[in-house]
Amino acid sequence: MFVLDGTNLPNPNSYSKSTNVIGGFVTTLLGGIRRAIRNKKYVHELGWTNLSSSDLTTILAIYNKDTTVTFINSDLGIDTTVHVDVSDDVINPGMAEYLRQYSIILTEA
């Protein structure tokens, strides 16, 4: 179960987790390269096909708060604070209730 800002999200069709490394590379005097890792932040991306209008409205309300929110998935052991970004929507003609394909990108704060 995916929970964003206390709201249960519908089960996504896709989920991915990637790592953003904060830091840089340093070249030593002898020409070697050392990596100076200061921190690692995870980025979670959830995607839906045929997301209903009511679910989209709920997700956009969380996004429009323009602040960090909690993201929880007990199945994966995730409980973190994230920034929410949303994708551009894709309109599927001919579908009255389910209008969009959508994804959200959650970057750890």
N, C-alpha and C. Protein backbone atom coordinates (compact mmCIF):
# COMPACT_ATOMS: atom_id res chain seq x y z
N MET A 1 0.84 -1.18 0.00
CA MET A 1 0.00 0.00 0.00
C MET A 1 0.89 1.24 0.00
N PHE A 2 0.60 2.14 -0.92
CA PHE A 2 1.34 3.39 -1.01
C PHE A 2 0.52 4.50 -0.36
N VAL A 3 1.13 5.23 0.57
CA VAL A 3 0.46 6.31 1.29
C VAL A 3 1.28 7.58 1.10
N LEU A 4 0.63 8.62 0.61
CA LEU A 4 1.28 9.91 0.39
C LEU A 4 0.52 10.97 1.17
N ASP A 5 1.19 11.60 2.11
CA ASP A 5 0.59 12.65 2.94
C ASP A 5 -0.69 12.16 3.63
N GLY A 6 -0.66 10.90 4.11
CA GLY A 6 -1.79 10.34 4.82
C GLY A 6 -2.92 9.84 3.93
N THR A 7 -2.74 9.92 2.61
CA THR A 7 -3.77 9.50 1.66
C THR A 7 -3.34 8.22 0.96
N ASN A 8 -4.19 7.21 0.97
CA ASN A 8 -3.90 5.97 0.26
C ASN A 8 -3.97 6.22 -1.24
N LEU A 9 -2.90 5.86 -1.94
CA LEU A 9 -2.88 5.99 -3.40
C LEU A 9 -3.36 4.69 -4.03
N PRO A 10 -3.93 4.78 -5.23
CA PRO A 10 -4.27 3.52 -5.92
C PRO A 10 -2.98 2.77 -6.25
N ASN A 11 -3.08 1.46 -6.37
CA ASN A 11 -1.89 0.68 -6.70
C ASN A 11 -1.35 1.11 -8.06
N PRO A 12 -0.07 1.46 -8.13
CA PRO A 12 0.48 1.91 -9.42
C PRO A 12 0.73 0.72 -10.35
N ASN A 13 0.75 1.02 -11.65
CA ASN A 13 1.11 0.01 -12.64
C ASN A 13 2.61 -0.17 -12.72
N SER A 14 3.36 0.87 -12.31
CA SER A 14 4.82 0.77 -12.30
C SER A 14 5.37 1.51 -11.09
N TYR A 15 6.49 1.00 -10.60
CA TYR A 15 7.19 1.63 -9.48
C TYR A 15 8.68 1.43 -9.70
N SER A 16 9.43 2.50 -9.52
CA SER A 16 10.89 2.38 -9.60
C SER A 16 11.52 3.24 -8.50
N LYS A 17 12.69 2.80 -8.07
CA LYS A 17 13.43 3.52 -7.04
C LYS A 17 14.86 3.66 -7.54
N SER A 18 15.33 4.90 -7.60
CA SER A 18 16.71 5.15 -8.03
C SER A 18 17.42 5.97 -6.96
N THR A 19 18.73 6.06 -7.11
CA THR A 19 19.55 6.76 -6.12
C THR A 19 20.21 7.98 -6.74
N ASN A 20 20.08 9.12 -6.09
CA ASN A 20 20.82 10.32 -6.46
C ASN A 20 21.98 10.46 -5.49
N VAL A 21 23.19 10.49 -6.01
CA VAL A 21 24.37 10.64 -5.18
C VAL A 21 24.71 12.12 -5.10
N ILE A 22 24.88 12.61 -3.88
CA ILE A 22 25.24 14.00 -3.66
C ILE A 22 26.71 14.04 -3.31
N GLY A 23 27.46 14.75 -4.10
CA GLY A 23 28.91 14.82 -3.93
C GLY A 23 29.54 15.06 -5.28
N GLY A 24 30.79 14.67 -5.42
CA GLY A 24 31.46 14.89 -6.68
C GLY A 24 32.71 14.05 -6.79
N PHE A 25 33.44 14.28 -7.86
CA PHE A 25 34.69 13.58 -8.12
C PHE A 25 35.85 14.54 -7.93
N VAL A 26 36.92 14.04 -7.39
CA VAL A 26 38.13 14.84 -7.15
C VAL A 26 39.28 14.15 -7.86
N THR A 27 40.06 14.91 -8.64
CA THR A 27 41.25 14.37 -9.29
C THR A 27 42.45 14.64 -8.40
N THR A 28 43.18 13.60 -8.07
CA THR A 28 44.35 13.74 -7.21
C THR A 28 45.54 14.26 -8.01
N LEU A 29 46.60 14.64 -7.31
CA LEU A 29 47.80 15.14 -7.98
C LEU A 29 48.45 14.09 -8.87
N LEU A 30 48.26 12.83 -8.55
CA LEU A 30 48.84 11.76 -9.35
C LEU A 30 47.93 11.31 -10.50
N GLY A 31 46.80 12.00 -10.68
CA GLY A 31 45.90 11.70 -11.78
C GLY A 31 44.81 10.71 -11.46
N GLY A 32 44.76 10.24 -10.25
CA GLY A 32 43.68 9.33 -9.85
C GLY A 32 42.39 10.10 -9.60
N ILE A 33 41.31 9.39 -9.59
CA ILE A 33 40.01 10.01 -9.32
C ILE A 33 39.43 9.41 -8.05
N ARG A 34 39.03 10.27 -7.16
CA ARG A 34 38.37 9.86 -5.93
C ARG A 34 36.96 10.43 -5.93
N ARG A 35 36.09 9.65 -5.41
CA ARG A 35 34.70 10.07 -5.34
C ARG A 35 34.40 10.54 -3.93
N ALA A 36 33.91 11.76 -3.80
CA ALA A 36 33.58 12.32 -2.49
C ALA A 36 32.05 12.30 -2.33
N ILE A 37 31.54 11.21 -1.77
CA ILE A 37 30.10 11.07 -1.57
C ILE A 37 29.72 11.70 -0.24
N ARG A 38 28.83 12.66 -0.30
CA ARG A 38 28.38 13.34 0.91
C ARG A 38 27.05 12.79 1.43
N ASN A 39 26.21 12.34 0.49
CA ASN A 39 24.90 11.83 0.89
C ASN A 39 24.26 11.09 -0.28
N LYS A 40 23.28 10.28 0.00
CA LYS A 40 22.49 9.60 -1.03
C LYS A 40 21.02 9.87 -0.76
N LYS A 41 20.31 10.24 -1.79
CA LYS A 41 18.87 10.47 -1.70
C LYS A 41 18.19 9.55 -2.70
N TYR A 42 17.05 9.01 -2.32
CA TYR A 42 16.32 8.11 -3.19
C TYR A 42 15.20 8.86 -3.91
N VAL A 43 14.94 8.44 -5.12
CA VAL A 43 13.86 8.99 -5.93
C VAL A 43 12.91 7.84 -6.25
N HIS A 44 11.65 8.00 -5.90
CA HIS A 44 10.62 6.99 -6.14
C HIS A 44 9.71 7.51 -7.25
N GLU A 45 9.46 6.68 -8.24
CA GLU A 45 8.53 7.07 -9.31
C GLU A 45 7.41 6.05 -9.39
N LEU A 46 6.18 6.55 -9.29
CA LEU A 46 4.99 5.72 -9.37
C LEU A 46 4.23 6.12 -10.62
N GLY A 47 3.81 5.12 -11.40
CA GLY A 47 3.10 5.41 -12.63
C GLY A 47 1.79 4.65 -12.73
N TRP A 48 0.80 5.31 -13.31
CA TRP A 48 -0.52 4.70 -13.48
C TRP A 48 -0.96 4.84 -14.93
N THR A 49 -1.65 3.84 -15.42
CA THR A 49 -2.37 3.97 -16.68
C THR A 49 -3.85 3.97 -16.32
N ASN A 50 -4.59 4.77 -17.03
CA ASN A 50 -6.04 4.88 -16.78
C ASN A 50 -6.34 5.31 -15.35
N LEU A 51 -5.66 6.34 -14.89
CA LEU A 51 -5.90 6.90 -13.56
C LEU A 51 -7.23 7.65 -13.58
N SER A 52 -8.08 7.38 -12.61
CA SER A 52 -9.39 8.04 -12.59
C SER A 52 -9.25 9.52 -12.26
N SER A 53 -10.25 10.26 -12.65
CA SER A 53 -10.24 11.71 -12.41
C SER A 53 -10.20 12.04 -10.93
N SER A 54 -10.92 11.28 -10.11
CA SER A 54 -10.92 11.56 -8.67
C SER A 54 -9.55 11.28 -8.05
N ASP A 55 -8.88 10.20 -8.49
CA ASP A 55 -7.53 9.91 -7.99
C ASP A 55 -6.55 10.99 -8.43
N LEU A 56 -6.70 11.45 -9.66
CA LEU A 56 -5.82 12.52 -10.16
C LEU A 56 -6.03 13.80 -9.36
N THR A 57 -7.27 14.13 -9.07
CA THR A 57 -7.57 15.32 -8.28
C THR A 57 -6.91 15.24 -6.90
N THR A 58 -6.95 14.06 -6.28
CA THR A 58 -6.33 13.86 -4.98
C THR A 58 -4.82 14.05 -5.05
N ILE A 59 -4.19 13.47 -6.05
CA ILE A 59 -2.73 13.60 -6.21
C ILE A 59 -2.34 15.04 -6.47
N LEU A 60 -3.10 15.74 -7.32
CA LEU A 60 -2.78 17.13 -7.61
C LEU A 60 -2.99 18.04 -6.40
N ALA A 61 -3.94 17.71 -5.55
CA ALA A 61 -4.14 18.50 -4.32
C ALA A 61 -2.92 18.38 -3.41
N ILE A 62 -2.34 17.19 -3.33
CA ILE A 62 -1.12 17.00 -2.53
C ILE A 62 0.03 17.76 -3.17
N TYR A 63 0.16 17.66 -4.49
CA TYR A 63 1.23 18.35 -5.21
C TYR A 63 1.12 19.87 -5.02
N ASN A 64 -0.09 20.40 -5.08
CA ASN A 64 -0.31 21.84 -5.00
C ASN A 64 -0.05 22.42 -3.61
N LYS A 65 0.13 21.58 -2.62
CA LYS A 65 0.51 22.08 -1.29
C LYS A 65 1.88 22.73 -1.33
N ASP A 66 2.71 22.31 -2.30
CA ASP A 66 4.03 22.88 -2.53
C ASP A 66 4.91 22.83 -1.28
N THR A 67 4.89 21.69 -0.61
CA THR A 67 5.71 21.47 0.57
C THR A 67 6.10 20.00 0.62
N THR A 68 6.99 19.65 1.52
CA THR A 68 7.35 18.24 1.67
C THR A 68 6.21 17.50 2.37
N VAL A 69 6.06 16.22 2.02
CA VAL A 69 5.03 15.37 2.61
C VAL A 69 5.64 14.02 2.93
N THR A 70 4.92 13.22 3.70
CA THR A 70 5.41 11.88 4.04
C THR A 70 5.00 10.89 2.95
N PHE A 71 5.88 9.93 2.71
CA PHE A 71 5.62 8.84 1.77
C PHE A 71 5.90 7.54 2.51
N ILE A 72 4.91 6.65 2.54
CA ILE A 72 5.03 5.40 3.28
C ILE A 72 4.63 4.23 2.37
N ASN A 73 5.42 3.19 2.42
CA ASN A 73 5.04 1.90 1.86
C ASN A 73 5.56 0.84 2.82
N SER A 74 4.65 0.29 3.61
CA SER A 74 5.07 -0.68 4.63
C SER A 74 5.58 -1.97 4.01
N ASP A 75 5.09 -2.33 2.82
CA ASP A 75 5.55 -3.56 2.16
C ASP A 75 7.03 -3.48 1.81
N LEU A 76 7.50 -2.29 1.43
CA LEU A 76 8.89 -2.10 1.04
C LEU A 76 9.74 -1.50 2.16
N GLY A 77 9.13 -1.20 3.31
CA GLY A 77 9.86 -0.63 4.43
C GLY A 77 10.26 0.82 4.21
N ILE A 78 9.42 1.56 3.51
CA ILE A 78 9.73 2.97 3.20
C ILE A 78 8.88 3.86 4.08
N ASP A 79 9.50 4.80 4.75
CA ASP A 79 8.83 5.85 5.52
C ASP A 79 9.74 7.05 5.49
N THR A 80 9.45 8.00 4.61
CA THR A 80 10.37 9.11 4.38
C THR A 80 9.61 10.38 4.03
N THR A 81 10.31 11.49 4.05
CA THR A 81 9.76 12.79 3.65
C THR A 81 10.24 13.09 2.23
N VAL A 82 9.29 13.52 1.37
CA VAL A 82 9.62 13.71 -0.04
C VAL A 82 9.08 15.02 -0.59
N HIS A 83 9.69 15.46 -1.69
CA HIS A 83 9.16 16.52 -2.53
C HIS A 83 8.38 15.83 -3.64
N VAL A 84 7.24 16.37 -4.03
CA VAL A 84 6.38 15.74 -5.03
C VAL A 84 6.47 16.51 -6.34
N ASP A 85 6.73 15.80 -7.43
CA ASP A 85 6.66 16.35 -8.78
C ASP A 85 5.72 15.47 -9.58
N VAL A 86 5.03 16.04 -10.55
CA VAL A 86 4.09 15.28 -11.36
C VAL A 86 4.50 15.33 -12.82
N SER A 87 4.10 14.31 -13.56
CA SER A 87 4.40 14.26 -14.99
C SER A 87 3.33 15.02 -15.76
N ASP A 88 3.61 15.21 -17.04
CA ASP A 88 2.57 15.70 -17.93
C ASP A 88 1.59 14.56 -18.16
N ASP A 89 0.33 14.90 -18.28
CA ASP A 89 -0.66 13.84 -18.47
C ASP A 89 -0.84 13.53 -19.95
N VAL A 90 -1.31 12.33 -20.22
CA VAL A 90 -1.60 11.89 -21.57
C VAL A 90 -3.09 11.56 -21.61
N ILE A 91 -3.83 12.27 -22.43
CA ILE A 91 -5.28 12.07 -22.48
C ILE A 91 -5.59 10.92 -23.43
N ASN A 92 -6.40 9.99 -22.95
CA ASN A 92 -6.85 8.87 -23.77
C ASN A 92 -8.27 9.15 -24.25
N PRO A 93 -8.45 9.46 -25.53
CA PRO A 93 -9.81 9.76 -26.01
C PRO A 93 -10.72 8.55 -25.91
N GLY A 94 -11.99 8.81 -25.65
CA GLY A 94 -12.98 7.75 -25.63
C GLY A 94 -13.15 7.07 -24.29
N MET A 95 -12.43 7.50 -23.28
CA MET A 95 -12.57 6.89 -21.96
C MET A 95 -13.17 7.92 -21.02
N ALA A 96 -14.41 7.71 -20.63
CA ALA A 96 -15.13 8.72 -19.87
C ALA A 96 -14.60 8.85 -18.44
N GLU A 97 -14.49 7.73 -17.72
CA GLU A 97 -14.11 7.81 -16.32
C GLU A 97 -12.60 7.88 -16.14
N TYR A 98 -11.86 7.11 -16.92
CA TYR A 98 -10.42 7.04 -16.76
C TYR A 98 -9.77 7.86 -17.85
N LEU A 99 -9.24 9.00 -17.49
CA LEU A 99 -8.82 9.98 -18.48
C LEU A 99 -7.33 10.00 -18.77
N ARG A 100 -6.48 9.57 -17.83
CA ARG A 100 -5.08 9.92 -17.98
C ARG A 100 -4.13 8.79 -17.64
N GLN A 101 -2.94 8.89 -18.25
CA GLN A 101 -1.79 8.14 -17.79
C GLN A 101 -0.97 9.14 -17.01
N TYR A 102 -0.50 8.75 -15.87
CA TYR A 102 0.15 9.73 -15.00
C TYR A 102 1.26 9.09 -14.18
N SER A 103 2.24 9.90 -13.83
CA SER A 103 3.27 9.42 -12.90
C SER A 103 3.66 10.56 -11.98
N ILE A 104 4.09 10.18 -10.79
CA ILE A 104 4.61 11.17 -9.84
C ILE A 104 6.03 10.78 -9.48
N ILE A 105 6.84 11.80 -9.26
CA ILE A 105 8.24 11.60 -8.88
C ILE A 105 8.40 12.14 -7.47
N LEU A 106 8.84 11.27 -6.56
CA LEU A 106 8.99 11.63 -5.16
C LEU A 106 10.48 11.61 -4.82
N THR A 107 11.03 12.78 -4.54
CA THR A 107 12.45 12.91 -4.24
C THR A 107 12.61 13.17 -2.76
N GLU A 108 13.44 12.35 -2.09
CA GLU A 108 13.64 12.51 -0.66
C GLU A 108 14.16 13.90 -0.33
N ALA A 109 13.63 14.45 0.73
CA ALA A 109 14.04 15.80 1.17
C ALA A 109 15.37 15.75 1.90
